[in-house]
C-alpha atoms as a PDB file:
ATOM      1  CA  MET A   1       2.994   5.789 -19.250  1.00  0.00           C
ATOM      2  CA  THR A   2       4.041   2.720 -21.261  1.00  0.00           C
ATOM      3  CA  ALA A   3       7.361   0.928 -20.881  1.00  0.00           C
ATOM      4  CA  VAL A   4       8.844  -1.858 -22.987  1.00  0.00           C
ATOM      5  CA  PHE A   5      10.296  -4.880 -21.183  1.00  0.00           C
ATOM      6  CA  GLY A   6      11.780  -7.677 -23.294  1.00  0.00           C
ATOM      7  CA  GLY A   7       9.687  -6.636 -26.289  1.00  0.00           C
ATOM      8  CA  ALA A   8       6.427  -6.665 -24.303  1.00  0.00           C
ATOM      9  CA  LEU A   9       4.509  -3.542 -23.433  1.00  0.00           C
ATOM     10  CA  ALA A  10       3.742  -2.905 -19.777  1.00  0.00           C
ATOM     11  CA  GLN A  11       1.575  -0.151 -18.333  1.00  0.00           C
ATOM     12  CA  ARG A  12       3.072   1.941 -15.537  1.00  0.00           C
ATOM     13  CA  ALA A  13       1.268   4.594 -13.581  1.00  0.00           C
ATOM     14  CA  ALA A  14       2.372   8.179 -14.049  1.00  0.00           C
ATOM     15  CA  PRO A  15       3.549  10.075 -10.942  1.00  0.00           C
ATOM     16  CA  GLU A  16       0.222  11.962 -10.818  1.00  0.00           C
ATOM     17  CA  GLU A  17      -1.646   8.643 -10.841  1.00  0.00           C
ATOM     18  CA  ASP A  18       0.616   7.324  -8.083  1.00  0.00           C
ATOM     19  CA  ALA A  19      -0.156  10.379  -5.937  1.00  0.00           C
ATOM     20  CA  ALA A  20      -3.886   9.866  -6.485  1.00  0.00           C
ATOM     21  CA  ILE A  21      -3.593   6.165  -5.579  1.00  0.00           C
ATOM     22  CA  THR A  22      -1.660   7.054  -2.412  1.00  0.00           C
ATOM     23  CA  ALA A  23      -4.372   9.544  -1.415  1.00  0.00           C
ATOM     24  CA  ARG A  24      -7.148   6.983  -1.983  1.00  0.00           C
ATOM     25  CA  VAL A  25      -5.340   4.287   0.034  1.00  0.00           C
ATOM     26  CA  GLU A  26      -4.660   6.767   2.861  1.00  0.00           C
ATOM     27  CA  ARG A  27      -8.358   7.726   2.833  1.00  0.00           C
ATOM     28  CA  ALA A  28      -9.429   4.073   2.983  1.00  0.00           C
ATOM     29  CA  ILE A  29      -7.106   3.442   5.945  1.00  0.00           C
ATOM     30  CA  SER A  30      -8.250   6.600   7.740  1.00  0.00           C
ATOM     31  CA  ASN A  31     -11.888   5.478   7.345  1.00  0.00           C
ATOM     32  CA  ASP A  32     -11.162   2.150   9.066  1.00  0.00           C
ATOM     33  CA  ARG A  33     -12.016   2.292  12.776  1.00  0.00           C
ATOM     34  CA  VAL A  34      -8.935   0.308  13.889  1.00  0.00           C
ATOM     35  CA  LEU A  35      -6.343   1.202  11.263  1.00  0.00           C
ATOM     36  CA  SER A  36      -7.047   4.923  11.561  1.00  0.00           C
ATOM     37  CA  THR A  37      -5.519   4.875  15.057  1.00  0.00           C
ATOM     38  CA  LEU A  38      -2.222   3.422  13.780  1.00  0.00           C
ATOM     39  CA  ASP A  39       0.748   5.116  12.131  1.00  0.00           C
ATOM     40  CA  ILE A  40       0.718   3.543   8.663  1.00  0.00           C
ATOM     41  CA  LYS A  41       2.705   5.263   5.924  1.00  0.00           C
ATOM     42  CA  VAL A  42       1.659   4.815   2.290  1.00  0.00           C
ATOM     43  CA  ASP A  43       3.774   5.312  -0.821  1.00  0.00           C
ATOM     44  CA  THR A  44       3.002   4.355  -4.417  1.00  0.00           C
ATOM     45  CA  GLN A  45       5.354   3.850  -7.329  1.00  0.00           C
ATOM     46  CA  GLY A  46       4.266   2.495 -10.676  1.00  0.00           C
ATOM     47  CA  GLY A  47       0.894   1.522  -9.232  1.00  0.00           C
ATOM     48  CA  VAL A  48       2.514  -0.606  -6.518  1.00  0.00           C
ATOM     49  CA  VAL A  49       1.514   0.487  -3.017  1.00  0.00           C
ATOM     50  CA  ARG A  50       4.050   0.191  -0.207  1.00  0.00           C
ATOM     51  CA  LEU A  51       2.784   0.127   3.377  1.00  0.00           C
ATOM     52  CA  ARG A  52       5.134   0.858   6.303  1.00  0.00           C
ATOM     53  CA  GLY A  53       4.626   1.225  10.012  1.00  0.00           C
ATOM     54  CA  PHE A  54       3.485  -0.615  13.090  1.00  0.00           C
ATOM     55  CA  VAL A  55       0.188  -2.365  13.718  1.00  0.00           C
ATOM     56  CA  ASN A  56      -1.248  -4.421  16.580  1.00  0.00           C
ATOM     57  CA  SER A  57      -1.949  -7.760  14.892  1.00  0.00           C
ATOM     58  CA  LEU A  58      -1.721  -9.926  11.801  1.00  0.00           C
ATOM     59  CA  GLY A  59      -5.385  -9.065  11.257  1.00  0.00           C
ATOM     60  CA  ASP A  60      -4.440  -5.388  10.985  1.00  0.00           C
ATOM     61  CA  ILE A  61      -1.884  -6.252   8.310  1.00  0.00           C
ATOM     62  CA  ALA A  62      -4.450  -8.302   6.388  1.00  0.00           C
ATOM     63  CA  GLN A  63      -7.011  -5.476   6.610  1.00  0.00           C
ATOM     64  CA  ALA A  64      -4.516  -2.855   5.411  1.00  0.00           C
ATOM     65  CA  HIS A  65      -3.598  -5.094   2.455  1.00  0.00           C
ATOM     66  CA  ALA A  66      -7.248  -5.692   1.586  1.00  0.00           C
ATOM     67  CA  LEU A  67      -8.064  -1.984   1.678  1.00  0.00           C
ATOM     68  CA  ALA A  68      -5.061  -1.112  -0.502  1.00  0.00           C
ATOM     69  CA  ARG A  69      -5.826  -3.856  -3.040  1.00  0.00           C
ATOM     70  CA  ALA A  70      -9.420  -2.640  -3.340  1.00  0.00           C
ATOM     71  CA  VAL A  71      -8.339   0.821  -4.532  1.00  0.00           C
ATOM     72  CA  GLY A  72      -8.604   1.387  -8.266  1.00  0.00           C
ATOM     73  CA  GLY A  73      -5.293   1.592 -10.107  1.00  0.00           C
ATOM     74  CA  VAL A  74      -3.363  -0.512  -7.575  1.00  0.00           C
ATOM     75  CA  THR A  75      -1.299  -3.157  -9.377  1.00  0.00           C
ATOM     76  CA  GLY A  76       0.328  -4.636  -6.277  1.00  0.00           C
ATOM     77  CA  VAL A  77       0.836  -4.188  -2.543  1.00  0.00           C
ATOM     78  CA  ARG A  78       4.139  -4.557  -0.712  1.00  0.00           C
ATOM     79  CA  SER A  79       4.237  -4.436   3.031  1.00  0.00           C
ATOM     80  CA  ARG A  80       6.800  -3.512   5.598  1.00  0.00           C
ATOM     81  CA  LEU A  81       4.153  -3.416   8.317  1.00  0.00           C
ATOM     82  CA  ARG A  82       5.333  -4.827  11.626  1.00  0.00           C
ATOM     83  CA  ILE A  83       3.501  -5.866  14.712  1.00  0.00           C
ATOM     84  CA  ALA A  84       4.341  -3.501  17.566  1.00  0.00           C
ATOM     85  CA  ASN A  85       6.142  -5.017  20.564  1.00  0.00           C
ATOM     86  CA  ARG A  86       7.098  -8.120  18.621  1.00  0.00           C
ATOM     87  CA  PRO A  87      10.781  -8.819  18.033  1.00  0.00           C
ATOM     88  CA  SER A  88      12.057  -8.857  14.482  1.00  0.00           C
ATOM     89  CA  ARG A  89      13.820 -11.868  13.009  1.00  0.00           C
ATOM     90  CA  ALA A  90      16.120  -9.638  10.989  1.00  0.00           C
END
C-alpha cells in the first residue's frame, strides 16, 4: 500500500503483511529461552511493531527489541514493555 505525505510517497504495510510480521515476531519471541516464559503481546500496524507486557529486566526489553527489529518487513519498534515489580513513574 502506498500513501502520499506532503507530496512524498511512503510505503505502508497492508493488513495482511502486518499480520504476517506479527506472527514472525511472536515466533521469534517464543523461540527465545527467556522471553518465551514472559507474557509479551505483539501488534503491528503499518510495519511498526508494538510490544506490550511485563519482563524481568532491561536486558529482556533489549532482547525483545532486537528480535523484533530483525524480522523482515519491520519498519520500527515501539515498546510499552515494563519491568515487573518495578514502580512506574507515570
